[in-house]
Amino acid sequence: MDEFWANAIWSLAPTVLIGLIFWFVMRAILRADRTERAAYAQIEAEERAKLGLPARQRSSPERTAD
């Protein structure tokens, strides 16, 4: 019976590991995209201010939760 549980754990380990790697990569991509969009919005606001244009209206509310 002890060998059964060891085999069960070893058979599930690769799936769990790949799932964790996938989750980490997707999380990193989404966070990088969010950071890039914020930086781009800041640069755009600075350029609009230099040109004397009004501030751009946001089309959707910004998320603050992580």
PDB file of N, CA and C in Angstrom:
ATOM      1  N   MET A   1       0.819  -1.195   0.000  1.00  0.00           N
ATOM      2  CA  MET A   1       0.000   0.000   0.000  1.00  0.00           C
ATOM      3  C   MET A   1       0.864   1.259   0.000  1.00  0.00           C
ATOM      4  N   ASP A   2       2.025   1.177   0.663  1.00  0.00           N
ATOM      5  CA  ASP A   2       2.921   2.330   0.731  1.00  0.00           C
ATOM      6  C   ASP A   2       3.466   2.663  -0.657  1.00  0.00           C
ATOM      7  N   GLU A   3       3.719   1.641  -1.468  1.00  0.00           N
ATOM      8  CA  GLU A   3       4.228   1.851  -2.821  1.00  0.00           C
ATOM      9  C   GLU A   3       3.178   2.540  -3.705  1.00  0.00           C
ATOM     10  N   PHE A   4       1.904   2.267  -3.443  1.00  0.00           N
ATOM     11  CA  PHE A   4       0.826   2.895  -4.197  1.00  0.00           C
ATOM     12  C   PHE A   4       0.865   4.419  -4.041  1.00  0.00           C
ATOM     13  N   TRP A   5       0.998   4.893  -2.801  1.00  0.00           N
ATOM     14  CA  TRP A   5       1.015   6.344  -2.565  1.00  0.00           C
ATOM     15  C   TRP A   5       2.268   7.001  -3.135  1.00  0.00           C
ATOM     16  N   ALA A   6       3.379   6.323  -3.065  1.00  0.00           N
ATOM     17  CA  ALA A   6       4.604   6.859  -3.661  1.00  0.00           C
ATOM     18  C   ALA A   6       4.456   6.982  -5.175  1.00  0.00           C
ATOM     19  N   ASN A   7       3.869   5.978  -5.802  1.00  0.00           N
ATOM     20  CA  ASN A   7       3.639   6.035  -7.243  1.00  0.00           C
ATOM     21  C   ASN A   7       2.629   7.125  -7.606  1.00  0.00           C
ATOM     22  N   ALA A   8       1.620   7.300  -6.772  1.00  0.00           N
ATOM     23  CA  ALA A   8       0.618   8.346  -7.033  1.00  0.00           C
ATOM     24  C   ALA A   8       1.257   9.732  -6.965  1.00  0.00           C
ATOM     25  N   ILE A   9       2.096   9.955  -5.981  1.00  0.00           N
ATOM     26  CA  ILE A   9       2.757  11.258  -5.840  1.00  0.00           C
ATOM     27  C   ILE A   9       3.707  11.495  -7.005  1.00  0.00           C
ATOM     28  N   TRP A  10       4.496  10.489  -7.366  1.00  0.00           N
ATOM     29  CA  TRP A  10       5.438  10.653  -8.476  1.00  0.00           C
ATOM     30  C   TRP A  10       4.727  10.841  -9.818  1.00  0.00           C
ATOM     31  N   SER A  11       3.546  10.298  -9.954  1.00  0.00           N
ATOM     32  CA  SER A  11       2.825  10.466 -11.218  1.00  0.00           C
ATOM     33  C   SER A  11       2.155  11.838 -11.313  1.00  0.00           C
ATOM     34  N   LEU A  12       1.804  12.431 -10.191  1.00  0.00           N
ATOM     35  CA  LEU A  12       1.174  13.753 -10.197  1.00  0.00           C
ATOM     36  C   LEU A  12       2.187  14.897 -10.152  1.00  0.00           C
ATOM     37  N   ALA A  13       3.384  14.629  -9.696  1.00  0.00           N
ATOM     38  CA  ALA A  13       4.388  15.689  -9.538  1.00  0.00           C
ATOM     39  C   ALA A  13       4.687  16.442 -10.834  1.00  0.00           C
ATOM     40  N   PRO A  14       4.900  15.797 -11.975  1.00  0.00           N
ATOM     41  CA  PRO A  14       5.185  16.557 -13.199  1.00  0.00           C
ATOM     42  C   PRO A  14       4.038  17.478 -13.613  1.00  0.00           C
ATOM     43  N   THR A  15       2.807  17.015 -13.477  1.00  0.00           N
ATOM     44  CA  THR A  15       1.655  17.834 -13.836  1.00  0.00           C
ATOM     45  C   THR A  15       1.554  19.059 -12.943  1.00  0.00           C
ATOM     46  N   VAL A  16       1.731  18.870 -11.668  1.00  0.00           N
ATOM     47  CA  VAL A  16       1.678  19.983 -10.722  1.00  0.00           C
ATOM     48  C   VAL A  16       2.820  20.955 -10.988  1.00  0.00           C
ATOM     49  N   LEU A  17       3.997  20.449 -11.250  1.00  0.00           N
ATOM     50  CA  LEU A  17       5.155  21.302 -11.516  1.00  0.00           C
ATOM     51  C   LEU A  17       4.954  22.133 -12.781  1.00  0.00           C
ATOM     52  N   ILE A  18       4.480  21.522 -13.843  1.00  0.00           N
ATOM     53  CA  ILE A  18       4.217  22.253 -15.088  1.00  0.00           C
ATOM     54  C   ILE A  18       3.118  23.287 -14.863  1.00  0.00           C
ATOM     55  N   GLY A  19       2.111  22.946 -14.104  1.00  0.00           N
ATOM     56  CA  GLY A  19       1.041  23.886 -13.790  1.00  0.00           C
ATOM     57  C   GLY A  19       1.558  25.099 -13.022  1.00  0.00           C
ATOM     58  N   LEU A  20       2.432  24.881 -12.070  1.00  0.00           N
ATOM     59  CA  LEU A  20       3.015  25.982 -11.310  1.00  0.00           C
ATOM     60  C   LEU A  20       3.904  26.866 -12.178  1.00  0.00           C
ATOM     61  N   ILE A  21       4.673  26.245 -13.058  1.00  0.00           N
ATOM     62  CA  ILE A  21       5.520  27.027 -13.975  1.00  0.00           C
ATOM     63  C   ILE A  21       4.645  27.869 -14.901  1.00  0.00           C
ATOM     64  N   PHE A  22       3.583  27.278 -15.444  1.00  0.00           N
ATOM     65  CA  PHE A  22       2.668  28.008 -16.321  1.00  0.00           C
ATOM     66  C   PHE A  22       2.039  29.186 -15.581  1.00  0.00           C
ATOM     67  N   TRP A  23       1.582  28.950 -14.349  1.00  0.00           N
ATOM     68  CA  TRP A  23       0.974  30.017 -13.552  1.00  0.00           C
ATOM     69  C   TRP A  23       1.964  31.148 -13.316  1.00  0.00           C
ATOM     70  N   PHE A  24       3.202  30.819 -12.975  1.00  0.00           N
ATOM     71  CA  PHE A  24       4.209  31.842 -12.702  1.00  0.00           C
ATOM     72  C   PHE A  24       4.514  32.669 -13.951  1.00  0.00           C
ATOM     73  N   VAL A  25       4.649  32.008 -15.102  1.00  0.00           N
ATOM     74  CA  VAL A  25       4.943  32.716 -16.349  1.00  0.00           C
ATOM     75  C   VAL A  25       3.777  33.636 -16.727  1.00  0.00           C
ATOM     76  N   MET A  26       2.547  33.145 -16.648  1.00  0.00           N
ATOM     77  CA  MET A  26       1.385  33.973 -16.989  1.00  0.00           C
ATOM     78  C   MET A  26       1.264  35.164 -16.033  1.00  0.00           C
ATOM     79  N   ARG A  27       1.529  34.936 -14.768  1.00  0.00           N
ATOM     80  CA  ARG A  27       1.483  36.019 -13.783  1.00  0.00           C
ATOM     81  C   ARG A  27       2.527  37.089 -14.114  1.00  0.00           C
ATOM     82  N   ALA A  28       3.718  36.668 -14.476  1.00  0.00           N
ATOM     83  CA  ALA A  28       4.777  37.612 -14.834  1.00  0.00           C
ATOM     84  C   ALA A  28       4.412  38.401 -16.091  1.00  0.00           C
ATOM     85  N   ILE A  29       3.831  37.740 -17.079  1.00  0.00           N
ATOM     86  CA  ILE A  29       3.429  38.420 -18.312  1.00  0.00           C
ATOM     87  C   ILE A  29       2.355  39.456 -18.022  1.00  0.00           C
ATOM     88  N   LEU A  30       1.356  39.098 -17.248  1.00  0.00           N
ATOM     89  CA  LEU A  30       0.271  40.031 -16.942  1.00  0.00           C
ATOM     90  C   LEU A  30       0.747  41.220 -16.117  1.00  0.00           C
ATOM     91  N   ARG A  31       1.629  40.972 -15.179  1.00  0.00           N
ATOM     92  CA  ARG A  31       2.168  42.080 -14.383  1.00  0.00           C
ATOM     93  C   ARG A  31       3.034  43.002 -15.238  1.00  0.00           C
ATOM     94  N   ALA A  32       3.817  42.437 -16.128  1.00  0.00           N
ATOM     95  CA  ALA A  32       4.651  43.261 -17.006  1.00  0.00           C
ATOM     96  C   ALA A  32       3.779  44.108 -17.925  1.00  0.00           C
ATOM     97  N   ASP A  33       2.699  43.541 -18.430  1.00  0.00           N
ATOM     98  CA  ASP A  33       1.790  44.283 -19.296  1.00  0.00           C
ATOM     99  C   ASP A  33       1.150  45.434 -18.532  1.00  0.00           C
ATOM    100  N   ARG A  34       0.721  45.179 -17.324  1.00  0.00           N
ATOM    101  CA  ARG A  34       0.089  46.224 -16.505  1.00  0.00           C
ATOM    102  C   ARG A  34       1.078  47.346 -16.218  1.00  0.00           C
ATOM    103  N   THR A  35       2.315  46.994 -15.898  1.00  0.00           N
ATOM    104  CA  THR A  35       3.345  47.994 -15.616  1.00  0.00           C
ATOM    105  C   THR A  35       3.672  48.806 -16.861  1.00  0.00           C
ATOM    106  N   GLU A  36       3.757  48.135 -18.003  1.00  0.00           N
ATOM    107  CA  GLU A  36       4.057  48.824 -19.260  1.00  0.00           C
ATOM    108  C   GLU A  36       2.944  49.790 -19.634  1.00  0.00           C
ATOM    109  N   ARG A  37       1.700  49.383 -19.447  1.00  0.00           N
ATOM    110  CA  ARG A  37       0.575  50.274 -19.749  1.00  0.00           C
ATOM    111  C   ARG A  37       0.589  51.508 -18.845  1.00  0.00           C
ATOM    112  N   ALA A  38       0.913  51.327 -17.580  1.00  0.00           N
ATOM    113  CA  ALA A  38       0.974  52.467 -16.665  1.00  0.00           C
ATOM    114  C   ALA A  38       2.094  53.420 -17.066  1.00  0.00           C
ATOM    115  N   ALA A  39       3.237  52.874 -17.429  1.00  0.00           N
ATOM    116  CA  ALA A  39       4.361  53.716 -17.848  1.00  0.00           C
ATOM    117  C   ALA A  39       4.021  54.462 -19.138  1.00  0.00           C
ATOM    118  N   TYR A  40       3.373  53.783 -20.071  1.00  0.00           N
ATOM    119  CA  TYR A  40       2.987  54.424 -21.327  1.00  0.00           C
ATOM    120  C   TYR A  40       1.977  55.545 -21.068  1.00  0.00           C
ATOM    121  N   ALA A  41       1.028  55.325 -20.167  1.00  0.00           N
ATOM    122  CA  ALA A  41       0.037  56.348 -19.842  1.00  0.00           C
ATOM    123  C   ALA A  41       0.707  57.566 -19.223  1.00  0.00           C
ATOM    124  N   GLN A  42       1.701  57.333 -18.393  1.00  0.00           N
ATOM    125  CA  GLN A  42       2.423  58.447 -17.771  1.00  0.00           C
ATOM    126  C   GLN A  42       3.191  59.244 -18.828  1.00  0.00           C
ATOM    127  N   ILE A  43       3.869  58.555 -19.718  1.00  0.00           N
ATOM    128  CA  ILE A  43       4.610  59.239 -20.793  1.00  0.00           C
ATOM    129  C   ILE A  43       3.643  60.017 -21.683  1.00  0.00           C
ATOM    130  N   GLU A  44       2.514  59.400 -22.017  1.00  0.00           N
ATOM    131  CA  GLU A  44       1.531  60.088 -22.855  1.00  0.00           C
ATOM    132  C   GLU A  44       0.986  61.334 -22.157  1.00  0.00           C
ATOM    133  N   ALA A  45       0.738  61.254 -20.856  1.00  0.00           N
ATOM    134  CA  ALA A  45       0.240  62.415 -20.111  1.00  0.00           C
ATOM    135  C   ALA A  45       1.284  63.530 -20.100  1.00  0.00           C
ATOM    136  N   GLU A  46       2.553  63.172 -19.937  1.00  0.00           N
ATOM    137  CA  GLU A  46       3.612  64.180 -19.952  1.00  0.00           C
ATOM    138  C   GLU A  46       3.708  64.855 -21.316  1.00  0.00           C
ATOM    139  N   GLU A  47       3.612  64.076 -22.389  1.00  0.00           N
ATOM    140  CA  GLU A  47       3.685  64.632 -23.736  1.00  0.00           C
ATOM    141  C   GLU A  47       2.475  65.520 -24.036  1.00  0.00           C
ATOM    142  N   ARG A  48       1.294  65.118 -23.573  1.00  0.00           N
ATOM    143  CA  ARG A  48       0.108  65.939 -23.771  1.00  0.00           C
ATOM    144  C   ARG A  48       0.250  67.257 -23.006  1.00  0.00           C
ATOM    145  N   ALA A  49       0.824  67.200 -21.815  1.00  0.00           N
ATOM    146  CA  ALA A  49       1.008  68.420 -21.038  1.00  0.00           C
ATOM    147  C   ALA A  49       2.002  69.355 -21.731  1.00  0.00           C
ATOM    148  N   LYS A  50       3.052  68.802 -22.319  1.00  0.00           N
ATOM    149  CA  LYS A  50       4.033  69.613 -23.049  1.00  0.00           C
ATOM    150  C   LYS A  50       3.394  70.334 -24.236  1.00  0.00           C
ATOM    151  N   LEU A  51       2.478  69.634 -24.898  1.00  0.00           N
ATOM    152  CA  LEU A  51       1.826  70.204 -26.080  1.00  0.00           C
ATOM    153  C   LEU A  51       0.616  71.069 -25.731  1.00  0.00           C
ATOM    154  N   GLY A  52       0.255  71.104 -24.465  1.00  0.00           N
ATOM    155  CA  GLY A  52      -0.884  71.909 -24.042  1.00  0.00           C
ATOM    156  C   GLY A  52      -2.226  71.275 -24.361  1.00  0.00           C
ATOM    157  N   LEU A  53      -2.253  69.984 -24.564  1.00  0.00           N
ATOM    158  CA  LEU A  53      -3.501  69.289 -24.852  1.00  0.00           C
ATOM    159  C   LEU A  53      -4.185  68.880 -23.552  1.00  0.00           C
ATOM    160  N   PRO A  54      -5.502  68.723 -23.569  1.00  0.00           N
ATOM    161  CA  PRO A  54      -6.191  68.294 -22.347  1.00  0.00           C
ATOM    162  C   PRO A  54      -5.838  66.841 -21.999  1.00  0.00           C
ATOM    163  N   ALA A  55      -6.013  66.516 -20.747  1.00  0.00           N
ATOM    164  CA  ALA A  55      -5.727  65.148 -20.299  1.00  0.00           C
ATOM    165  C   ALA A  55      -6.693  64.184 -20.973  1.00  0.00           C
ATOM    166  N   ARG A  56      -6.205  63.013 -21.249  1.00  0.00           N
ATOM    167  CA  ARG A  56      -7.021  62.005 -21.928  1.00  0.00           C
ATOM    168  C   ARG A  56      -7.974  61.358 -20.928  1.00  0.00           C
ATOM    169  N   GLN A  57      -9.205  61.106 -21.356  1.00  0.00           N
ATOM    170  CA  GLN A  57     -10.195  60.441 -20.510  1.00  0.00           C
ATOM    171  C   GLN A  57      -9.913  58.946 -20.482  1.00  0.00           C
ATOM    172  N   ARG A  58     -10.037  58.344 -19.323  1.00  0.00           N
ATOM    173  CA  ARG A  58      -9.864  56.892 -19.226  1.00  0.00           C
ATOM    174  C   ARG A  58     -11.133  56.206 -19.680  1.00  0.00           C
ATOM    175  N   SER A  59     -10.977  55.147 -20.443  1.00  0.00           N
ATOM    176  CA  SER A  59     -12.149  54.424 -20.934  1.00  0.00           C
ATOM    177  C   SER A  59     -12.651  53.400 -19.927  1.00  0.00           C
ATOM    178  N   SER A  60     -11.780  52.950 -19.026  1.00  0.00           N
ATOM    179  CA  SER A  60     -12.188  51.986 -18.014  1.00  0.00           C
ATOM    180  C   SER A  60     -11.483  52.311 -16.706  1.00  0.00           C
ATOM    181  N   PRO A  61     -12.118  52.011 -15.582  1.00  0.00           N
ATOM    182  CA  PRO A  61     -11.471  52.285 -14.296  1.00  0.00           C
ATOM    183  C   PRO A  61     -10.246  51.404 -14.094  1.00  0.00           C
ATOM    184  N   GLU A  62      -9.268  51.945 -13.432  1.00  0.00           N
ATOM    185  CA  GLU A  62      -8.024  51.215 -13.224  1.00  0.00           C
ATOM    186  C   GLU A  62      -8.144  50.319 -11.995  1.00  0.00           C
ATOM    187  N   ARG A  63      -7.596  49.138 -12.107  1.00  0.00           N
ATOM    188  CA  ARG A  63      -7.611  48.206 -10.980  1.00  0.00           C
ATOM    189  C   ARG A  63      -6.528  48.572  -9.989  1.00  0.00           C
ATOM    190  N   THR A  64      -6.839  48.467  -8.720  1.00  0.00           N
ATOM    191  CA  THR A  64      -5.836  48.700  -7.697  1.00  0.00           C
ATOM    192  C   THR A  64      -5.479  47.418  -6.970  1.00  0.00           C
ATOM    193  N   ALA A  65      -6.341  46.421  -7.023  1.00  0.00           N
ATOM    194  CA  ALA A  65      -6.068  45.147  -6.354  1.00  0.00           C
ATOM    195  C   ALA A  65      -5.105  44.328  -7.186  1.00  0.00           C
ATOM    196  N   ASP A  66      -4.370  43.456  -6.523  1.00  0.00           N
ATOM    197  CA  ASP A  66      -3.380  42.626  -7.200  1.00  0.00           C
ATOM    198  C   ASP A  66      -3.895  41.292  -7.563  1.00  0.00           C
TER     199      ASP A  66
END
